[in-house]
Amino acid sequence: MSKKASKKYVYVGLGSIQVRVNKKSLYKSATWRVISICMSFSMSYYFLGDSWEAGKFTAAYALMGTGLYYAHERAWAVIRKKRLLNI
């Protein structure tokens, strides 16, 4: 892998399980997740009136949403690549 290509990716994981991740998608996922967590907690607290319940809902939503957003980003990257290659 060239130096330029290696700068595009970072390895993340726990213990012996490591996954190569596109840095741009990872950063976009993280920044969007912060915005989404703030919005989710605010709305949950407004409707539920209990910070503990709002926090539990927000935590569950954040965990699920982060993975789904990353998968969505990578799927669109594959679609773009296929269009460029006319596959």
N, C-alpha and C. Protein backbone atom coordinates (compact mmCIF):
# COMPACT_ATOMS: atom_id res chain seq x y z
N MET A 1 0.85 -1.18 0.00
CA MET A 1 0.00 0.00 0.00
C MET A 1 0.89 1.24 0.00
N SER A 2 0.57 2.20 -0.84
CA SER A 2 1.37 3.42 -0.92
C SER A 2 1.15 4.27 0.32
N LYS A 3 2.07 5.24 0.52
CA LYS A 3 1.94 6.13 1.67
C LYS A 3 0.66 6.94 1.61
N LYS A 4 0.30 7.39 0.39
CA LYS A 4 -0.93 8.17 0.24
C LYS A 4 -2.15 7.33 0.61
N ALA A 5 -2.20 6.10 0.15
CA ALA A 5 -3.33 5.21 0.45
C ALA A 5 -3.37 4.88 1.93
N SER A 6 -2.22 4.71 2.57
CA SER A 6 -2.21 4.35 3.98
C SER A 6 -2.69 5.50 4.86
N LYS A 7 -2.60 6.73 4.39
CA LYS A 7 -3.08 7.88 5.16
C LYS A 7 -4.60 7.97 5.14
N LYS A 8 -5.24 7.30 4.18
CA LYS A 8 -6.70 7.33 4.07
C LYS A 8 -7.39 6.43 5.08
N TYR A 9 -6.65 5.49 5.65
CA TYR A 9 -7.25 4.48 6.50
C TYR A 9 -6.63 4.47 7.88
N VAL A 10 -7.40 4.01 8.84
CA VAL A 10 -6.93 3.82 10.20
C VAL A 10 -7.45 2.46 10.66
N TYR A 11 -6.72 1.80 11.52
CA TYR A 11 -7.15 0.51 12.04
C TYR A 11 -7.76 0.71 13.42
N VAL A 12 -8.97 0.23 13.60
CA VAL A 12 -9.65 0.34 14.88
C VAL A 12 -10.12 -1.04 15.31
N GLY A 13 -10.30 -1.23 16.60
CA GLY A 13 -10.81 -2.50 17.08
C GLY A 13 -10.43 -2.73 18.52
N LEU A 14 -10.78 -3.92 18.99
CA LEU A 14 -10.48 -4.32 20.35
C LEU A 14 -9.62 -5.58 20.32
N GLY A 15 -8.53 -5.57 21.05
CA GLY A 15 -7.67 -6.74 21.12
C GLY A 15 -7.13 -7.17 19.77
N SER A 16 -7.34 -8.43 19.44
CA SER A 16 -6.79 -8.96 18.20
C SER A 16 -7.69 -8.69 16.99
N ILE A 17 -8.88 -8.16 17.22
CA ILE A 17 -9.80 -7.86 16.12
C ILE A 17 -9.57 -6.43 15.68
N GLN A 18 -9.00 -6.26 14.49
CA GLN A 18 -8.71 -4.94 13.95
C GLN A 18 -9.40 -4.81 12.59
N VAL A 19 -9.97 -3.64 12.34
CA VAL A 19 -10.67 -3.39 11.09
C VAL A 19 -10.09 -2.13 10.45
N ARG A 20 -9.84 -2.19 9.14
CA ARG A 20 -9.35 -1.02 8.41
C ARG A 20 -10.55 -0.12 8.11
N VAL A 21 -10.46 1.14 8.50
CA VAL A 21 -11.57 2.07 8.38
C VAL A 21 -11.12 3.30 7.61
N ASN A 22 -11.97 3.78 6.71
CA ASN A 22 -11.71 5.00 5.98
C ASN A 22 -11.79 6.17 6.96
N LYS A 23 -10.71 6.96 7.07
CA LYS A 23 -10.66 8.04 8.05
C LYS A 23 -11.74 9.09 7.85
N LYS A 24 -11.98 9.50 6.62
CA LYS A 24 -12.98 10.53 6.36
C LYS A 24 -14.35 10.08 6.83
N SER A 25 -14.72 8.84 6.51
CA SER A 25 -16.02 8.33 6.95
C SER A 25 -16.08 8.22 8.47
N LEU A 26 -14.98 7.83 9.09
CA LEU A 26 -14.94 7.73 10.54
C LEU A 26 -15.13 9.10 11.19
N TYR A 27 -14.44 10.12 10.69
CA TYR A 27 -14.56 11.47 11.25
C TYR A 27 -15.96 12.04 11.03
N LYS A 28 -16.52 11.81 9.85
CA LYS A 28 -17.87 12.29 9.57
C LYS A 28 -18.88 11.59 10.48
N SER A 29 -18.68 10.31 10.71
CA SER A 29 -19.58 9.56 11.60
C SER A 29 -19.51 10.12 13.02
N ALA A 30 -18.31 10.38 13.49
CA ALA A 30 -18.13 10.87 14.86
C ALA A 30 -18.73 12.26 15.05
N THR A 31 -18.48 13.17 14.13
CA THR A 31 -19.02 14.52 14.31
C THR A 31 -20.54 14.54 14.19
N TRP A 32 -21.08 13.76 13.27
CA TRP A 32 -22.54 13.69 13.15
C TRP A 32 -23.14 13.07 14.40
N ARG A 33 -22.46 12.08 14.97
CA ARG A 33 -22.99 11.41 16.16
C ARG A 33 -23.09 12.39 17.33
N VAL A 34 -22.13 13.29 17.49
CA VAL A 34 -22.19 14.29 18.57
C VAL A 34 -23.41 15.18 18.39
N ILE A 35 -23.64 15.64 17.18
CA ILE A 35 -24.81 16.48 16.90
C ILE A 35 -26.09 15.70 17.18
N SER A 36 -26.14 14.48 16.71
CA SER A 36 -27.32 13.65 16.88
C SER A 36 -27.60 13.32 18.35
N ILE A 37 -26.57 13.05 19.12
CA ILE A 37 -26.73 12.76 20.54
C ILE A 37 -27.33 13.96 21.27
N CYS A 38 -26.82 15.13 20.99
CA CYS A 38 -27.36 16.34 21.63
C CYS A 38 -28.84 16.55 21.28
N MET A 39 -29.15 16.37 20.02
CA MET A 39 -30.53 16.53 19.57
C MET A 39 -31.44 15.46 20.19
N SER A 40 -30.98 14.23 20.18
CA SER A 40 -31.76 13.12 20.72
C SER A 40 -32.03 13.30 22.22
N PHE A 41 -31.00 13.68 22.97
CA PHE A 41 -31.19 13.88 24.41
C PHE A 41 -32.15 15.03 24.68
N SER A 42 -31.99 16.12 23.95
CA SER A 42 -32.86 17.28 24.15
C SER A 42 -34.33 16.92 23.90
N MET A 43 -34.59 16.25 22.80
CA MET A 43 -35.97 15.88 22.48
C MET A 43 -36.51 14.84 23.46
N SER A 44 -35.69 13.85 23.82
CA SER A 44 -36.13 12.83 24.78
C SER A 44 -36.46 13.46 26.12
N TYR A 45 -35.61 14.34 26.56
CA TYR A 45 -35.85 15.01 27.85
C TYR A 45 -37.12 15.85 27.80
N TYR A 46 -37.33 16.53 26.69
CA TYR A 46 -38.53 17.37 26.53
C TYR A 46 -39.79 16.51 26.64
N PHE A 47 -39.81 15.37 25.95
CA PHE A 47 -41.01 14.53 25.94
C PHE A 47 -41.15 13.65 27.18
N LEU A 48 -40.03 13.15 27.72
CA LEU A 48 -40.09 12.24 28.86
C LEU A 48 -40.03 12.96 30.21
N GLY A 49 -39.37 14.10 30.23
CA GLY A 49 -39.27 14.87 31.47
C GLY A 49 -38.36 14.25 32.52
N ASP A 50 -37.60 13.24 32.17
CA ASP A 50 -36.72 12.54 33.11
C ASP A 50 -35.36 12.37 32.45
N SER A 51 -34.33 12.94 33.05
CA SER A 51 -33.00 12.90 32.43
C SER A 51 -32.44 11.48 32.37
N TRP A 52 -32.74 10.63 33.34
CA TRP A 52 -32.24 9.25 33.34
C TRP A 52 -32.84 8.46 32.16
N GLU A 53 -34.14 8.56 31.99
CA GLU A 53 -34.81 7.87 30.88
C GLU A 53 -34.35 8.43 29.53
N ALA A 54 -34.21 9.75 29.47
CA ALA A 54 -33.73 10.38 28.23
C ALA A 54 -32.30 9.92 27.92
N GLY A 55 -31.48 9.77 28.93
CA GLY A 55 -30.11 9.30 28.75
C GLY A 55 -30.05 7.86 28.25
N LYS A 56 -30.90 7.00 28.79
CA LYS A 56 -30.94 5.60 28.33
C LYS A 56 -31.37 5.52 26.87
N PHE A 57 -32.40 6.27 26.52
CA PHE A 57 -32.86 6.27 25.15
C PHE A 57 -31.78 6.79 24.21
N THR A 58 -31.13 7.87 24.62
CA THR A 58 -30.08 8.48 23.80
C THR A 58 -28.90 7.54 23.61
N ALA A 59 -28.51 6.83 24.66
CA ALA A 59 -27.39 5.89 24.55
C ALA A 59 -27.70 4.77 23.56
N ALA A 60 -28.88 4.21 23.65
CA ALA A 60 -29.27 3.13 22.73
C ALA A 60 -29.31 3.65 21.30
N TYR A 61 -29.87 4.82 21.12
CA TYR A 61 -29.97 5.42 19.79
C TYR A 61 -28.58 5.71 19.22
N ALA A 62 -27.69 6.21 20.05
CA ALA A 62 -26.34 6.56 19.60
C ALA A 62 -25.56 5.33 19.15
N LEU A 63 -25.64 4.25 19.90
CA LEU A 63 -24.91 3.04 19.54
C LEU A 63 -25.41 2.47 18.21
N MET A 64 -26.69 2.41 18.06
CA MET A 64 -27.26 1.88 16.83
C MET A 64 -27.00 2.82 15.65
N GLY A 65 -27.19 4.09 15.86
CA GLY A 65 -27.05 5.07 14.79
C GLY A 65 -25.64 5.20 14.24
N THR A 66 -24.64 5.07 15.08
CA THR A 66 -23.26 5.20 14.63
C THR A 66 -22.91 4.10 13.62
N GLY A 67 -23.24 2.88 13.97
CA GLY A 67 -22.96 1.78 13.06
C GLY A 67 -23.73 1.88 11.75
N LEU A 68 -24.99 2.26 11.83
CA LEU A 68 -25.80 2.39 10.63
C LEU A 68 -25.31 3.52 9.73
N TYR A 69 -24.89 4.62 10.33
CA TYR A 69 -24.39 5.73 9.53
C TYR A 69 -23.11 5.33 8.79
N TYR A 70 -22.21 4.66 9.48
CA TYR A 70 -20.96 4.24 8.85
C TYR A 70 -21.25 3.28 7.68
N ALA A 71 -22.14 2.32 7.90
CA ALA A 71 -22.49 1.38 6.84
C ALA A 71 -23.10 2.12 5.65
N HIS A 72 -23.92 3.10 5.91
CA HIS A 72 -24.54 3.91 4.85
C HIS A 72 -23.48 4.65 4.04
N GLU A 73 -22.53 5.26 4.72
CA GLU A 73 -21.44 5.97 4.04
C GLU A 73 -20.64 5.03 3.15
N ARG A 74 -20.30 3.85 3.66
CA ARG A 74 -19.49 2.92 2.88
C ARG A 74 -20.29 2.38 1.69
N ALA A 75 -21.59 2.16 1.87
CA ALA A 75 -22.41 1.68 0.75
C ALA A 75 -22.41 2.71 -0.38
N TRP A 76 -22.54 3.98 -0.04
CA TRP A 76 -22.53 5.02 -1.07
C TRP A 76 -21.15 5.12 -1.73
N ALA A 77 -20.10 4.87 -0.99
CA ALA A 77 -18.75 4.88 -1.57
C ALA A 77 -18.62 3.77 -2.60
N VAL A 78 -19.18 2.61 -2.31
CA VAL A 78 -19.15 1.49 -3.26
C VAL A 78 -19.95 1.84 -4.51
N ILE A 79 -21.10 2.45 -4.33
CA ILE A 79 -21.94 2.84 -5.47
C ILE A 79 -21.19 3.84 -6.35
N ARG A 80 -20.56 4.83 -5.74
CA ARG A 80 -19.78 5.82 -6.51
C ARG A 80 -18.66 5.14 -7.28
N LYS A 81 -17.97 4.22 -6.62
CA LYS A 81 -16.84 3.52 -7.25
C LYS A 81 -17.34 2.71 -8.45
N LYS A 82 -18.46 2.01 -8.30
CA LYS A 82 -19.00 1.21 -9.40
C LYS A 82 -19.43 2.10 -10.55
N ARG A 83 -19.99 3.26 -10.25
CA ARG A 83 -20.39 4.18 -11.32
C ARG A 83 -19.17 4.70 -12.08
N LEU A 84 -18.09 4.99 -11.34
CA LEU A 84 -16.88 5.47 -11.98
C LEU A 84 -16.25 4.39 -12.87
N LEU A 85 -16.37 3.15 -12.45
CA LEU A 85 -15.79 2.04 -13.20
C LEU A 85 -16.78 1.47 -14.23
N ASN A 86 -18.00 2.00 -14.24
CA ASN A 86 -19.07 1.52 -15.14
C ASN A 86 -19.34 0.04 -14.99
N ILE A 87 -19.42 -0.41 -13.74
CA ILE A 87 -19.70 -1.83 -13.46
C ILE A 87 -21.20 -2.00 -13.31
